[in-house]
Amino acid sequence: MGVPRARALIAGRGDDSNAFRPALAGRGIEACIPSKKNRKQPIP
């Protein structure tokens, strides 16, 4: 019996990056990451 594939990732502000979110989406993983305070356009 294997480990099931992740469908979502809950992470902190330190993991908010423009490269990380598309990488997750490309694997079919929904990102639940709060935007960094200095982000010009916060991501909901």
PDB file of N, CA and C in Angstrom:
ATOM      1  N   MET A   1       0.852  -1.179   0.000  1.00  0.00           N
ATOM      2  CA  MET A   1       0.000   0.000   0.000  1.00  0.00           C
ATOM      3  C   MET A   1       0.894   1.236   0.000  1.00  0.00           C
ATOM      4  N   GLY A   2       0.711   2.119  -0.976  1.00  0.00           N
ATOM      5  CA  GLY A   2       1.541   3.309  -1.104  1.00  0.00           C
ATOM      6  C   GLY A   2       0.898   4.525  -0.449  1.00  0.00           C
ATOM      7  N   VAL A   3       1.651   5.578  -0.427  1.00  0.00           N
ATOM      8  CA  VAL A   3       1.175   6.845   0.123  1.00  0.00           C
ATOM      9  C   VAL A   3       0.357   7.546  -0.956  1.00  0.00           C
ATOM     10  N   PRO A   4      -0.843   8.049  -0.629  1.00  0.00           N
ATOM     11  CA  PRO A   4      -1.648   8.735  -1.654  1.00  0.00           C
ATOM     12  C   PRO A   4      -0.994  10.047  -2.085  1.00  0.00           C
ATOM     13  N   ARG A   5      -1.240  10.447  -3.319  1.00  0.00           N
ATOM     14  CA  ARG A   5      -0.698  11.700  -3.842  1.00  0.00           C
ATOM     15  C   ARG A   5      -1.386  12.876  -3.176  1.00  0.00           C
ATOM     16  N   ALA A   6      -0.641  13.935  -2.957  1.00  0.00           N
ATOM     17  CA  ALA A   6      -1.189  15.146  -2.335  1.00  0.00           C
ATOM     18  C   ALA A   6      -2.119  15.849  -3.314  1.00  0.00           C
ATOM     19  N   ARG A   7      -3.236  16.362  -2.793  1.00  0.00           N
ATOM     20  CA  ARG A   7      -4.161  17.161  -3.604  1.00  0.00           C
ATOM     21  C   ARG A   7      -4.081  18.621  -3.219  1.00  0.00           C
ATOM     22  N   ALA A   8      -3.533  18.926  -2.038  1.00  0.00           N
ATOM     23  CA  ALA A   8      -3.408  20.301  -1.559  1.00  0.00           C
ATOM     24  C   ALA A   8      -2.164  20.412  -0.692  1.00  0.00           C
ATOM     25  N   LEU A   9      -1.623  21.640  -0.623  1.00  0.00           N
ATOM     26  CA  LEU A   9      -0.468  21.906   0.209  1.00  0.00           C
ATOM     27  C   LEU A   9      -0.776  23.128   1.062  1.00  0.00           C
ATOM     28  N   ILE A  10      -0.679  22.982   2.357  1.00  0.00           N
ATOM     29  CA  ILE A  10      -0.844  24.095   3.286  1.00  0.00           C
ATOM     30  C   ILE A  10       0.558  24.499   3.717  1.00  0.00           C
ATOM     31  N   ALA A  11       0.898  25.768   3.473  1.00  0.00           N
ATOM     32  CA  ALA A  11       2.250  26.241   3.775  1.00  0.00           C
ATOM     33  C   ALA A  11       2.186  27.645   4.360  1.00  0.00           C
ATOM     34  N   GLY A  12       3.321  28.126   4.819  1.00  0.00           N
ATOM     35  CA  GLY A  12       3.411  29.457   5.410  1.00  0.00           C
ATOM     36  C   GLY A  12       3.882  30.491   4.400  1.00  0.00           C
ATOM     37  N   ARG A  13       3.930  31.731   4.839  1.00  0.00           N
ATOM     38  CA  ARG A  13       4.334  32.839   3.966  1.00  0.00           C
ATOM     39  C   ARG A  13       5.726  32.657   3.381  1.00  0.00           C
ATOM     40  N   GLY A  14       6.588  31.982   4.082  1.00  0.00           N
ATOM     41  CA  GLY A  14       7.943  31.766   3.593  1.00  0.00           C
ATOM     42  C   GLY A  14       8.000  30.936   2.325  1.00  0.00           C
ATOM     43  N   ASP A  15       6.941  30.206   2.033  1.00  0.00           N
ATOM     44  CA  ASP A  15       6.891  29.366   0.834  1.00  0.00           C
ATOM     45  C   ASP A  15       6.206  30.052  -0.335  1.00  0.00           C
ATOM     46  N   ASP A  16       5.791  31.314  -0.166  1.00  0.00           N
ATOM     47  CA  ASP A  16       5.129  32.061  -1.228  1.00  0.00           C
ATOM     48  C   ASP A  16       6.168  32.541  -2.234  1.00  0.00           C
ATOM     49  N   SER A  17       6.140  31.984  -3.437  1.00  0.00           N
ATOM     50  CA  SER A  17       7.043  32.437  -4.498  1.00  0.00           C
ATOM     51  C   SER A  17       6.356  32.272  -5.843  1.00  0.00           C
ATOM     52  N   ASN A  18       6.792  33.076  -6.799  1.00  0.00           N
ATOM     53  CA  ASN A  18       6.199  33.018  -8.138  1.00  0.00           C
ATOM     54  C   ASN A  18       6.534  31.723  -8.852  1.00  0.00           C
ATOM     55  N   ALA A  19       7.562  31.041  -8.462  1.00  0.00           N
ATOM     56  CA  ALA A  19       7.939  29.787  -9.115  1.00  0.00           C
ATOM     57  C   ALA A  19       7.272  28.572  -8.460  1.00  0.00           C
ATOM     58  N   PHE A  20       7.040  28.641  -7.165  1.00  0.00           N
ATOM     59  CA  PHE A  20       6.530  27.490  -6.421  1.00  0.00           C
ATOM     60  C   PHE A  20       5.064  27.194  -6.742  1.00  0.00           C
ATOM     61  N   ARG A  21       4.239  28.216  -6.814  1.00  0.00           N
ATOM     62  CA  ARG A  21       2.804  28.013  -7.071  1.00  0.00           C
ATOM     63  C   ARG A  21       2.534  27.328  -8.409  1.00  0.00           C
ATOM     64  N   PRO A  22       3.132  27.787  -9.521  1.00  0.00           N
ATOM     65  CA  PRO A  22       2.899  27.087 -10.796  1.00  0.00           C
ATOM     66  C   PRO A  22       3.442  25.660 -10.799  1.00  0.00           C
ATOM     67  N   ALA A  23       4.527  25.426 -10.080  1.00  0.00           N
ATOM     68  CA  ALA A  23       5.082  24.066 -10.003  1.00  0.00           C
ATOM     69  C   ALA A  23       4.085  23.130  -9.326  1.00  0.00           C
ATOM     70  N   LEU A  24       3.440  23.615  -8.272  1.00  0.00           N
ATOM     71  CA  LEU A  24       2.413  22.813  -7.605  1.00  0.00           C
ATOM     72  C   LEU A  24       1.222  22.584  -8.528  1.00  0.00           C
ATOM     73  N   ALA A  25       0.767  23.657  -9.183  1.00  0.00           N
ATOM     74  CA  ALA A  25      -0.388  23.553 -10.076  1.00  0.00           C
ATOM     75  C   ALA A  25      -0.113  22.566 -11.214  1.00  0.00           C
ATOM     76  N   GLY A  26       1.111  22.551 -11.701  1.00  0.00           N
ATOM     77  CA  GLY A  26       1.481  21.616 -12.762  1.00  0.00           C
ATOM     78  C   GLY A  26       1.384  20.163 -12.337  1.00  0.00           C
ATOM     79  N   ARG A  27       1.453  19.928 -11.044  1.00  0.00           N
ATOM     80  CA  ARG A  27       1.314  18.566 -10.505  1.00  0.00           C
ATOM     81  C   ARG A  27      -0.097  18.282 -10.016  1.00  0.00           C
ATOM     82  N   GLY A  28      -1.000  19.250 -10.234  1.00  0.00           N
ATOM     83  CA  GLY A  28      -2.379  19.061  -9.806  1.00  0.00           C
ATOM     84  C   GLY A  28      -2.581  19.259  -8.319  1.00  0.00           C
ATOM     85  N   ILE A  29      -1.715  20.032  -7.677  1.00  0.00           N
ATOM     86  CA  ILE A  29      -1.792  20.269  -6.241  1.00  0.00           C
ATOM     87  C   ILE A  29      -2.260  21.701  -6.004  1.00  0.00           C
ATOM     88  N   GLU A  30      -3.307  21.855  -5.214  1.00  0.00           N
ATOM     89  CA  GLU A  30      -3.828  23.177  -4.884  1.00  0.00           C
ATOM     90  C   GLU A  30      -2.992  23.789  -3.767  1.00  0.00           C
ATOM     91  N   ALA A  31      -2.570  25.031  -3.960  1.00  0.00           N
ATOM     92  CA  ALA A  31      -1.745  25.719  -2.969  1.00  0.00           C
ATOM     93  C   ALA A  31      -2.619  26.530  -2.023  1.00  0.00           C
ATOM     94  N   CYS A  32      -2.390  26.362  -0.744  1.00  0.00           N
ATOM     95  CA  CYS A  32      -3.050  27.168   0.288  1.00  0.00           C
ATOM     96  C   CYS A  32      -1.920  27.866   1.045  1.00  0.00           C
ATOM     97  N   ILE A  33      -1.463  28.989   0.456  1.00  0.00           N
ATOM     98  CA  ILE A  33      -0.304  29.710   0.978  1.00  0.00           C
ATOM     99  C   ILE A  33      -0.677  31.180   1.117  1.00  0.00           C
ATOM    100  N   PRO A  34      -0.573  31.755   2.303  1.00  0.00           N
ATOM    101  CA  PRO A  34      -0.849  33.185   2.431  1.00  0.00           C
ATOM    102  C   PRO A  34       0.226  33.988   1.695  1.00  0.00           C
ATOM    103  N   SER A  35      -0.188  35.085   1.093  1.00  0.00           N
ATOM    104  CA  SER A  35       0.748  35.946   0.362  1.00  0.00           C
ATOM    105  C   SER A  35       1.688  36.654   1.322  1.00  0.00           C
ATOM    106  N   LYS A  36       2.921  36.872   0.852  1.00  0.00           N
ATOM    107  CA  LYS A  36       3.865  37.663   1.637  1.00  0.00           C
ATOM    108  C   LYS A  36       3.339  39.082   1.768  1.00  0.00           C
ATOM    109  N   LYS A  37       3.693  39.736   2.834  1.00  0.00           N
ATOM    110  CA  LYS A  37       3.210  41.098   3.075  1.00  0.00           C
ATOM    111  C   LYS A  37       3.703  42.080   2.030  1.00  0.00           C
ATOM    112  N   ASN A  38       4.875  41.825   1.439  1.00  0.00           N
ATOM    113  CA  ASN A  38       5.422  42.757   0.466  1.00  0.00           C
ATOM    114  C   ASN A  38       5.014  42.446  -0.977  1.00  0.00           C
ATOM    115  N   ARG A  39       4.122  41.499  -1.186  1.00  0.00           N
ATOM    116  CA  ARG A  39       3.656  41.166  -2.533  1.00  0.00           C
ATOM    117  C   ARG A  39       2.778  42.297  -3.054  1.00  0.00           C
ATOM    118  N   LYS A  40       3.079  42.792  -4.256  1.00  0.00           N
ATOM    119  CA  LYS A  40       2.339  43.928  -4.806  1.00  0.00           C
ATOM    120  C   LYS A  40       0.881  43.588  -5.086  1.00  0.00           C
ATOM    121  N   GLN A  41       0.620  42.398  -5.603  1.00  0.00           N
ATOM    122  CA  GLN A  41      -0.747  41.939  -5.827  1.00  0.00           C
ATOM    123  C   GLN A  41      -0.937  40.645  -5.029  1.00  0.00           C
ATOM    124  N   PRO A  42      -1.576  40.743  -3.876  1.00  0.00           N
ATOM    125  CA  PRO A  42      -1.797  39.520  -3.083  1.00  0.00           C
ATOM    126  C   PRO A  42      -2.593  38.469  -3.846  1.00  0.00           C
ATOM    127  N   ILE A  43      -2.248  37.240  -3.638  1.00  0.00           N
ATOM    128  CA  ILE A  43      -2.951  36.123  -4.281  1.00  0.00           C
ATOM    129  C   ILE A  43      -3.983  35.614  -3.277  1.00  0.00           C
ATOM    130  N   PRO A  44      -5.252  35.519  -3.699  1.00  0.00           N
ATOM    131  CA  PRO A  44      -6.284  35.079  -2.745  1.00  0.00           C
ATOM    132  C   PRO A  44      -6.107  33.638  -2.313  1.00  0.00           C
TER     133      PRO A  44
END
